[in-house]
Amino acid sequence: MPTQLGGLPTGTPQRATAAPEYPAVHDMPPPRATAVLTEDEKKKVEAELAAMRAEQERRAKAKNLPE
């Protein structure tokens, strides 16, 4: 069929014989290996971060002291 009537232009590759497979939309991923932190673990991590922050602030102030 000519291109003027809706045909494909010359040199167009042939259409694939098999349709491509699409991903399974409704399949759920496997459960995660890691668990959510407990409240005690969250408090411990927050306390560690606060201690690190305070230590960094202390070191920053110590460097800015006049000699």
PDB file of N, CA and C in Angstrom:
ATOM      1  N   MET A   1       0.856  -1.181   0.000  1.00  0.00           N
ATOM      2  CA  MET A   1       0.000   0.000   0.000  1.00  0.00           C
ATOM      3  C   MET A   1       0.900   1.242   0.000  1.00  0.00           C
ATOM      4  N   PRO A   2       0.639   2.225  -0.816  1.00  0.00           N
ATOM      5  CA  PRO A   2       1.460   3.424  -0.871  1.00  0.00           C
ATOM      6  C   PRO A   2       1.341   4.257   0.411  1.00  0.00           C
ATOM      7  N   THR A   3       2.409   5.019   0.709  1.00  0.00           N
ATOM      8  CA  THR A   3       2.397   5.859   1.916  1.00  0.00           C
ATOM      9  C   THR A   3       1.316   6.920   1.878  1.00  0.00           C
ATOM     10  N   GLN A   4       0.923   7.370   0.717  1.00  0.00           N
ATOM     11  CA  GLN A   4      -0.130   8.375   0.615  1.00  0.00           C
ATOM     12  C   GLN A   4      -1.466   7.818   1.099  1.00  0.00           C
ATOM     13  N   LEU A   5      -1.639   6.516   1.035  1.00  0.00           N
ATOM     14  CA  LEU A   5      -2.892   5.898   1.463  1.00  0.00           C
ATOM     15  C   LEU A   5      -2.785   5.292   2.870  1.00  0.00           C
ATOM     16  N   GLY A   6      -1.714   5.641   3.597  1.00  0.00           N
ATOM     17  CA  GLY A   6      -1.572   5.141   4.964  1.00  0.00           C
ATOM     18  C   GLY A   6      -0.635   3.967   5.091  1.00  0.00           C
ATOM     19  N   GLY A   7       0.081   3.621   4.039  1.00  0.00           N
ATOM     20  CA  GLY A   7       1.041   2.523   4.104  1.00  0.00           C
ATOM     21  C   GLY A   7       2.334   2.968   4.776  1.00  0.00           C
ATOM     22  N   LEU A   8       3.166   2.022   5.097  1.00  0.00           N
ATOM     23  CA  LEU A   8       4.442   2.327   5.741  1.00  0.00           C
ATOM     24  C   LEU A   8       5.457   2.788   4.711  1.00  0.00           C
ATOM     25  N   PRO A   9       6.373   3.676   5.101  1.00  0.00           N
ATOM     26  CA  PRO A   9       7.404   4.126   4.169  1.00  0.00           C
ATOM     27  C   PRO A   9       8.364   2.989   3.825  1.00  0.00           C
ATOM     28  N   THR A  10       9.072   3.155   2.730  1.00  0.00           N
ATOM     29  CA  THR A  10      10.034   2.151   2.290  1.00  0.00           C
ATOM     30  C   THR A  10      11.159   2.018   3.327  1.00  0.00           C
ATOM     31  N   GLY A  11      11.610   0.808   3.588  1.00  0.00           N
ATOM     32  CA  GLY A  11      12.707   0.570   4.525  1.00  0.00           C
ATOM     33  C   GLY A  11      12.271   0.429   5.965  1.00  0.00           C
ATOM     34  N   THR A  12      10.984   0.442   6.202  1.00  0.00           N
ATOM     35  CA  THR A  12      10.490   0.262   7.568  1.00  0.00           C
ATOM     36  C   THR A  12      10.718  -1.190   7.992  1.00  0.00           C
ATOM     37  N   PRO A  13      11.275  -1.417   9.197  1.00  0.00           N
ATOM     38  CA  PRO A  13      11.509  -2.798   9.625  1.00  0.00           C
ATOM     39  C   PRO A  13      10.197  -3.548   9.818  1.00  0.00           C
ATOM     40  N   GLN A  14      10.273  -4.854   9.684  1.00  0.00           N
ATOM     41  CA  GLN A  14       9.087  -5.694   9.848  1.00  0.00           C
ATOM     42  C   GLN A  14       8.637  -5.704  11.306  1.00  0.00           C
ATOM     43  N   ARG A  15       7.354  -5.844  11.520  1.00  0.00           N
ATOM     44  CA  ARG A  15       6.777  -5.928  12.848  1.00  0.00           C
ATOM     45  C   ARG A  15       7.217  -7.248  13.496  1.00  0.00           C
ATOM     46  N   ALA A  16       7.441  -7.238  14.800  1.00  0.00           N
ATOM     47  CA  ALA A  16       7.848  -8.442  15.518  1.00  0.00           C
ATOM     48  C   ALA A  16       6.748  -9.495  15.421  1.00  0.00           C
ATOM     49  N   THR A  17       7.168 -10.749  15.307  1.00  0.00           N
ATOM     50  CA  THR A  17       6.176 -11.823  15.176  1.00  0.00           C
ATOM     51  C   THR A  17       5.478 -12.111  16.498  1.00  0.00           C
ATOM     52  N   ALA A  18       6.186 -11.945  17.627  1.00  0.00           N
ATOM     53  CA  ALA A  18       5.575 -12.181  18.943  1.00  0.00           C
ATOM     54  C   ALA A  18       5.462 -10.849  19.676  1.00  0.00           C
ATOM     55  N   ALA A  19       4.333 -10.628  20.317  1.00  0.00           N
ATOM     56  CA  ALA A  19       4.137  -9.396  21.084  1.00  0.00           C
ATOM     57  C   ALA A  19       5.046  -9.406  22.315  1.00  0.00           C
ATOM     58  N   PRO A  20       5.571  -8.238  22.720  1.00  0.00           N
ATOM     59  CA  PRO A  20       6.440  -8.208  23.906  1.00  0.00           C
ATOM     60  C   PRO A  20       5.642  -8.535  25.169  1.00  0.00           C
ATOM     61  N   GLU A  21       6.320  -9.155  26.129  1.00  0.00           N
ATOM     62  CA  GLU A  21       5.648  -9.484  27.384  1.00  0.00           C
ATOM     63  C   GLU A  21       5.644  -8.256  28.286  1.00  0.00           C
ATOM     64  N   TYR A  22       4.547  -8.039  28.944  1.00  0.00           N
ATOM     65  CA  TYR A  22       4.425  -6.935  29.875  1.00  0.00           C
ATOM     66  C   TYR A  22       4.652  -7.449  31.291  1.00  0.00           C
ATOM     67  N   PRO A  23       5.125  -6.590  32.191  1.00  0.00           N
ATOM     68  CA  PRO A  23       5.353  -7.056  33.566  1.00  0.00           C
ATOM     69  C   PRO A  23       4.032  -7.426  34.233  1.00  0.00           C
ATOM     70  N   ALA A  24       4.111  -8.355  35.165  1.00  0.00           N
ATOM     71  CA  ALA A  24       2.921  -8.772  35.903  1.00  0.00           C
ATOM     72  C   ALA A  24       2.533  -7.642  36.859  1.00  0.00           C
ATOM     73  N   VAL A  25       1.451  -6.965  36.558  1.00  0.00           N
ATOM     74  CA  VAL A  25       1.047  -5.782  37.312  1.00  0.00           C
ATOM     75  C   VAL A  25       0.552  -6.132  38.711  1.00  0.00           C
ATOM     76  N   HIS A  26      -0.118  -7.240  38.858  1.00  0.00           N
ATOM     77  CA  HIS A  26      -0.737  -7.572  40.134  1.00  0.00           C
ATOM     78  C   HIS A  26       0.149  -8.425  41.038  1.00  0.00           C
ATOM     79  N   ASP A  27       1.338  -8.806  40.587  1.00  0.00           N
ATOM     80  CA  ASP A  27       2.236  -9.576  41.443  1.00  0.00           C
ATOM     81  C   ASP A  27       2.839  -8.666  42.501  1.00  0.00           C
ATOM     82  N   MET A  28       2.821  -9.108  43.745  1.00  0.00           N
ATOM     83  CA  MET A  28       3.369  -8.331  44.851  1.00  0.00           C
ATOM     84  C   MET A  28       4.849  -8.673  45.029  1.00  0.00           C
ATOM     85  N   PRO A  29       5.675  -7.692  45.419  1.00  0.00           N
ATOM     86  CA  PRO A  29       7.081  -7.988  45.664  1.00  0.00           C
ATOM     87  C   PRO A  29       7.222  -8.852  46.918  1.00  0.00           C
ATOM     88  N   PRO A  30       8.347  -9.541  47.056  1.00  0.00           N
ATOM     89  CA  PRO A  30       8.531 -10.373  48.244  1.00  0.00           C
ATOM     90  C   PRO A  30       8.623  -9.505  49.498  1.00  0.00           C
ATOM     91  N   PRO A  31       8.301 -10.038  50.659  1.00  0.00           N
ATOM     92  CA  PRO A  31       8.385  -9.239  51.891  1.00  0.00           C
ATOM     93  C   PRO A  31       9.830  -8.823  52.164  1.00  0.00           C
ATOM     94  N   ARG A  32       9.979  -7.716  52.824  1.00  0.00           N
ATOM     95  CA  ARG A  32      11.314  -7.192  53.127  1.00  0.00           C
ATOM     96  C   ARG A  32      11.987  -8.049  54.195  1.00  0.00           C
ATOM     97  N   ALA A  33      13.295  -8.137  54.101  1.00  0.00           N
ATOM     98  CA  ALA A  33      14.062  -8.939  55.057  1.00  0.00           C
ATOM     99  C   ALA A  33      14.266  -8.192  56.371  1.00  0.00           C
ATOM    100  N   THR A  34      14.229  -6.864  56.321  1.00  0.00           N
ATOM    101  CA  THR A  34      14.463  -6.081  57.533  1.00  0.00           C
ATOM    102  C   THR A  34      13.143  -5.741  58.206  1.00  0.00           C
ATOM    103  N   ALA A  35      13.193  -5.647  59.518  1.00  0.00           N
ATOM    104  CA  ALA A  35      11.990  -5.318  60.289  1.00  0.00           C
ATOM    105  C   ALA A  35      11.994  -3.837  60.655  1.00  0.00           C
ATOM    106  N   VAL A  36      10.856  -3.316  61.004  1.00  0.00           N
ATOM    107  CA  VAL A  36      10.713  -1.935  61.436  1.00  0.00           C
ATOM    108  C   VAL A  36      11.296  -1.814  62.840  1.00  0.00           C
ATOM    109  N   LEU A  37      11.917  -0.666  63.135  1.00  0.00           N
ATOM    110  CA  LEU A  37      12.495  -0.452  64.455  1.00  0.00           C
ATOM    111  C   LEU A  37      11.405  -0.381  65.525  1.00  0.00           C
ATOM    112  N   THR A  38      11.715  -0.916  66.688  1.00  0.00           N
ATOM    113  CA  THR A  38      10.792  -0.796  67.820  1.00  0.00           C
ATOM    114  C   THR A  38      10.940   0.602  68.400  1.00  0.00           C
ATOM    115  N   GLU A  39      10.052   0.965  69.303  1.00  0.00           N
ATOM    116  CA  GLU A  39      10.112   2.295  69.925  1.00  0.00           C
ATOM    117  C   GLU A  39      11.404   2.462  70.714  1.00  0.00           C
ATOM    118  N   ASP A  40      11.845   1.420  71.425  1.00  0.00           N
ATOM    119  CA  ASP A  40      13.094   1.499  72.189  1.00  0.00           C
ATOM    120  C   ASP A  40      14.292   1.703  71.263  1.00  0.00           C
ATOM    121  N   GLU A  41      14.299   1.005  70.123  1.00  0.00           N
ATOM    122  CA  GLU A  41      15.387   1.167  69.171  1.00  0.00           C
ATOM    123  C   GLU A  41      15.391   2.573  68.569  1.00  0.00           C
ATOM    124  N   LYS A  42      14.203   3.104  68.290  1.00  0.00           N
ATOM    125  CA  LYS A  42      14.105   4.469  67.757  1.00  0.00           C
ATOM    126  C   LYS A  42      14.664   5.481  68.754  1.00  0.00           C
ATOM    127  N   LYS A  43      14.300   5.317  70.034  1.00  0.00           N
ATOM    128  CA  LYS A  43      14.788   6.235  71.067  1.00  0.00           C
ATOM    129  C   LYS A  43      16.301   6.152  71.193  1.00  0.00           C
ATOM    130  N   LYS A  44      16.851   4.932  71.114  1.00  0.00           N
ATOM    131  CA  LYS A  44      18.293   4.744  71.218  1.00  0.00           C
ATOM    132  C   LYS A  44      19.006   5.440  70.061  1.00  0.00           C
ATOM    133  N   VAL A  45      18.504   5.264  68.851  1.00  0.00           N
ATOM    134  CA  VAL A  45      19.115   5.892  67.675  1.00  0.00           C
ATOM    135  C   VAL A  45      19.022   7.409  67.771  1.00  0.00           C
ATOM    136  N   GLU A  46      17.887   7.936  68.197  1.00  0.00           N
ATOM    137  CA  GLU A  46      17.723   9.381  68.340  1.00  0.00           C
ATOM    138  C   GLU A  46      18.685   9.933  69.384  1.00  0.00           C
ATOM    139  N   ALA A  47      18.872   9.199  70.488  1.00  0.00           N
ATOM    140  CA  ALA A  47      19.799   9.638  71.531  1.00  0.00           C
ATOM    141  C   ALA A  47      21.240   9.642  71.005  1.00  0.00           C
ATOM    142  N   GLU A  48      21.620   8.631  70.229  1.00  0.00           N
ATOM    143  CA  GLU A  48      22.953   8.580  69.654  1.00  0.00           C
ATOM    144  C   GLU A  48      23.180   9.747  68.697  1.00  0.00           C
ATOM    145  N   LEU A  49      22.178  10.047  67.883  1.00  0.00           N
ATOM    146  CA  LEU A  49      22.300  11.169  66.944  1.00  0.00           C
ATOM    147  C   LEU A  49      22.410  12.502  67.683  1.00  0.00           C
ATOM    148  N   ALA A  50      21.637  12.665  68.744  1.00  0.00           N
ATOM    149  CA  ALA A  50      21.701  13.897  69.529  1.00  0.00           C
ATOM    150  C   ALA A  50      23.076  14.039  70.183  1.00  0.00           C
ATOM    151  N   ALA A  51      23.633  12.932  70.681  1.00  0.00           N
ATOM    152  CA  ALA A  51      24.962  12.973  71.298  1.00  0.00           C
ATOM    153  C   ALA A  51      26.024  13.338  70.261  1.00  0.00           C
ATOM    154  N   MET A  52      25.931  12.767  69.057  1.00  0.00           N
ATOM    155  CA  MET A  52      26.883  13.102  67.995  1.00  0.00           C
ATOM    156  C   MET A  52      26.784  14.568  67.610  1.00  0.00           C
ATOM    157  N   ARG A  53      25.552  15.070  67.513  1.00  0.00           N
ATOM    158  CA  ARG A  53      25.333  16.473  67.157  1.00  0.00           C
ATOM    159  C   ARG A  53      25.953  17.389  68.208  1.00  0.00           C
ATOM    160  N   ALA A  54      25.738  17.056  69.475  1.00  0.00           N
ATOM    161  CA  ALA A  54      26.294  17.867  70.554  1.00  0.00           C
ATOM    162  C   ALA A  54      27.820  17.835  70.530  1.00  0.00           C
ATOM    163  N   GLU A  55      28.392  16.668  70.266  1.00  0.00           N
ATOM    164  CA  GLU A  55      29.854  16.544  70.190  1.00  0.00           C
ATOM    165  C   GLU A  55      30.407  17.361  69.018  1.00  0.00           C
ATOM    166  N   GLN A  56      29.738  17.355  67.890  1.00  0.00           N
ATOM    167  CA  GLN A  56      30.179  18.144  66.740  1.00  0.00           C
ATOM    168  C   GLN A  56      30.110  19.638  67.049  1.00  0.00           C
ATOM    169  N   GLU A  57      29.054  20.063  67.724  1.00  0.00           N
ATOM    170  CA  GLU A  57      28.929  21.471  68.094  1.00  0.00           C
ATOM    171  C   GLU A  57      30.040  21.856  69.061  1.00  0.00           C
ATOM    172  N   ARG A  58      30.359  20.971  70.019  1.00  0.00           N
ATOM    173  CA  ARG A  58      31.418  21.252  70.991  1.00  0.00           C
ATOM    174  C   ARG A  58      32.757  21.393  70.271  1.00  0.00           C
ATOM    175  N   ARG A  59      33.039  20.492  69.315  1.00  0.00           N
ATOM    176  CA  ARG A  59      34.299  20.559  68.574  1.00  0.00           C
ATOM    177  C   ARG A  59      34.367  21.810  67.699  1.00  0.00           C
ATOM    178  N   ALA A  60      33.247  22.193  67.108  1.00  0.00           N
ATOM    179  CA  ALA A  60      33.223  23.387  66.263  1.00  0.00           C
ATOM    180  C   ALA A  60      33.486  24.635  67.099  1.00  0.00           C
ATOM    181  N   LYS A  61      32.925  24.703  68.290  1.00  0.00           N
ATOM    182  CA  LYS A  61      33.162  25.859  69.165  1.00  0.00           C
ATOM    183  C   LYS A  61      34.605  25.876  69.640  1.00  0.00           C
ATOM    184  N   ALA A  62      35.192  24.704  69.905  1.00  0.00           N
ATOM    185  CA  ALA A  62      36.572  24.634  70.382  1.00  0.00           C
ATOM    186  C   ALA A  62      37.539  25.116  69.303  1.00  0.00           C
ATOM    187  N   LYS A  63      37.269  24.892  68.045  1.00  0.00           N
ATOM    188  CA  LYS A  63      38.150  25.325  66.967  1.00  0.00           C
ATOM    189  C   LYS A  63      38.090  26.832  66.767  1.00  0.00           C
ATOM    190  N   ASN A  64      36.987  27.449  67.087  1.00  0.00           N
ATOM    191  CA  ASN A  64      36.825  28.878  66.852  1.00  0.00           C
ATOM    192  C   ASN A  64      37.358  29.739  68.003  1.00  0.00           C
ATOM    193  N   LEU A  65      37.896  29.128  69.057  1.00  0.00           N
ATOM    194  CA  LEU A  65      38.427  29.901  70.177  1.00  0.00           C
ATOM    195  C   LEU A  65      39.710  30.618  69.777  1.00  0.00           C
ATOM    196  N   PRO A  66      39.905  31.851  70.223  1.00  0.00           N
ATOM    197  CA  PRO A  66      41.146  32.565  69.888  1.00  0.00           C
ATOM    198  C   PRO A  66      42.328  31.910  70.608  1.00  0.00           C
ATOM    199  N   GLU A  67      43.464  31.908  69.931  1.00  0.00           N
ATOM    200  CA  GLU A  67      44.654  31.272  70.507  1.00  0.00           C
ATOM    201  C   GLU A  67      45.460  32.237  71.323  1.00  0.00           C
TER     202      GLU A  67
END
